[in-house]
């Protein structure tokens, strides 16, 4: 089963959900706001991808928290991801042992179809 993590109002998450629905692929949707992911899950993801891919420096939450001013290293970024899931780049898609972060329709066609 493919798991799709994100929030329902995120544009990229909406596109990903539409892609899967349009292609008849069943996914389990996990809403960060209703079911936050913990540090263990963040660490699991970081074994499959790097911090640059997972940590969202372009989002509203990053700007609101003024994290740019803190010039966080990867350890500091991990701590923030654990306590503030809205800093995770979305969507995050788990399929078996693979992890896909963000939405790219062409990449999705190659990976999921």
Protein backbone atom coordinates (compact mmCIF):
# COMPACT_ATOMS: atom_id res chain seq x y z
CA UNK A 1 0.00 0.00 0.00
CA UNK A 2 1.26 3.45 -0.94
CA UNK A 3 1.16 5.99 1.89
CA UNK A 4 0.86 9.66 1.02
CA UNK A 5 1.72 12.14 3.80
CA UNK A 6 0.77 15.80 3.67
CA UNK A 7 -2.05 18.23 4.37
CA UNK A 8 -5.26 18.40 2.30
CA UNK A 9 -4.92 22.13 1.53
CA UNK A 10 -1.40 21.89 0.01
CA UNK A 11 -1.36 22.38 -3.77
CA UNK A 12 1.31 19.71 -4.36
CA UNK A 13 -0.59 17.23 -2.18
CA UNK A 14 -3.78 17.94 -4.12
CA UNK A 15 -1.95 17.27 -7.40
CA UNK A 16 -0.48 14.02 -6.07
CA UNK A 17 -3.84 12.79 -4.77
CA UNK A 18 -5.47 13.65 -8.10
CA UNK A 19 -2.72 11.81 -10.00
CA UNK A 20 -3.26 8.64 -7.98
CA UNK A 21 -7.06 8.88 -8.20
CA UNK A 22 -7.02 9.55 -11.96
CA UNK A 23 -4.79 6.52 -12.47
CA UNK A 24 -6.82 4.21 -10.23
CA UNK A 25 -4.03 3.80 -7.69
CA UNK A 26 -5.19 3.36 -4.13
CA UNK A 27 -3.25 5.32 -1.51
CA UNK A 28 -3.54 5.76 2.23
CA UNK A 29 -3.57 9.49 3.02
CA UNK A 30 -2.00 10.59 6.31
CA UNK A 31 -2.76 14.19 7.29
CA UNK A 32 0.17 15.75 9.21
CA UNK A 33 -2.24 17.93 11.15
CA UNK A 34 -4.36 15.02 12.40
CA UNK A 35 -1.59 12.41 12.69
CA UNK A 36 1.79 14.11 13.17
CA UNK A 37 4.84 12.02 12.35
CA UNK A 38 7.38 11.49 15.12
CA UNK A 39 11.18 11.59 15.18
CA UNK A 40 11.40 7.85 14.49
CA UNK A 41 9.52 8.32 11.19
CA UNK A 42 11.63 11.40 10.31
CA UNK A 43 14.81 9.35 10.94
CA UNK A 44 13.43 6.51 8.80
CA UNK A 45 12.82 8.96 5.97
CA UNK A 46 16.29 10.50 6.35
CA UNK A 47 17.78 7.05 5.77
CA UNK A 48 16.07 7.09 2.34
CA UNK A 49 16.60 10.74 1.36
CA UNK A 50 18.68 13.72 2.42
CA UNK A 51 17.78 16.69 4.60
CA UNK A 52 17.87 19.09 1.64
CA UNK A 53 15.08 17.09 0.00
CA UNK A 54 12.95 16.70 3.14
CA UNK A 55 13.30 20.10 4.85
CA UNK A 56 11.10 22.80 3.29
CA UNK A 57 12.85 26.18 3.35
CA UNK A 58 10.32 27.73 0.97
CA UNK A 59 7.17 27.36 3.04
CA UNK A 60 5.20 29.80 5.14
CA UNK A 61 6.03 28.00 8.41
CA UNK A 62 9.78 28.36 7.76
CA UNK A 63 9.37 32.11 7.26
CA UNK A 64 6.99 32.51 10.22
CA UNK A 65 9.43 30.79 12.57
CA UNK A 66 12.32 32.90 11.17
CA UNK A 67 14.47 29.78 10.88
CA UNK A 68 16.69 31.31 8.20
CA UNK A 69 18.11 33.60 10.88
CA UNK A 70 19.12 30.56 12.97
CA UNK A 71 21.26 29.11 10.13
CA UNK A 72 20.43 25.56 11.26
CA UNK A 73 22.72 22.62 10.60
CA UNK A 74 21.21 19.23 9.72
CA UNK A 75 20.86 18.27 13.37
CA UNK A 76 18.94 21.47 14.08
CA UNK A 77 16.77 20.96 11.02
CA UNK A 78 15.96 17.41 12.17
CA UNK A 79 14.91 18.73 15.59
CA UNK A 80 12.56 21.24 13.94
CA UNK A 81 11.08 18.59 11.63
CA UNK A 82 10.30 16.45 14.68
CA UNK A 83 8.42 19.21 16.47
CA UNK A 84 6.91 20.99 13.45
CA UNK A 85 5.70 18.70 10.66
CA UNK A 86 4.69 21.69 8.52
CA UNK A 87 8.42 22.08 7.76
CA UNK A 88 8.40 18.78 5.85
CA UNK A 89 8.38 19.19 2.08
CA UNK A 90 5.13 17.74 0.74
CA UNK A 91 3.89 15.31 -0.27
CA UNK A 92 5.95 12.46 1.14
CA UNK A 93 5.11 9.14 -0.48
CA UNK A 94 6.17 5.81 0.96
CA UNK A 95 6.04 2.80 -1.32
CA UNK A 96 7.77 -0.24 0.06
CA UNK A 97 11.39 0.74 0.67
CA UNK A 98 11.27 3.83 -1.55
CA UNK A 99 10.46 7.39 -0.63
CA UNK A 100 9.33 10.16 -2.98
CA UNK A 101 9.19 13.78 -1.83
CA UNK A 102 7.37 16.55 -3.68
CA UNK A 103 5.23 16.39 -6.82
CA UNK A 104 6.62 15.90 -10.32
CA UNK A 105 4.08 14.41 -12.72
CA UNK A 106 6.65 12.94 -15.09
CA UNK A 107 8.54 11.28 -12.23
CA UNK A 108 5.25 9.94 -10.87
CA UNK A 109 4.38 8.44 -14.26
CA UNK A 110 7.74 6.68 -14.36
CA UNK A 111 7.57 5.45 -10.75
CA UNK A 112 3.91 4.60 -10.22
CA UNK A 113 2.47 3.64 -13.63
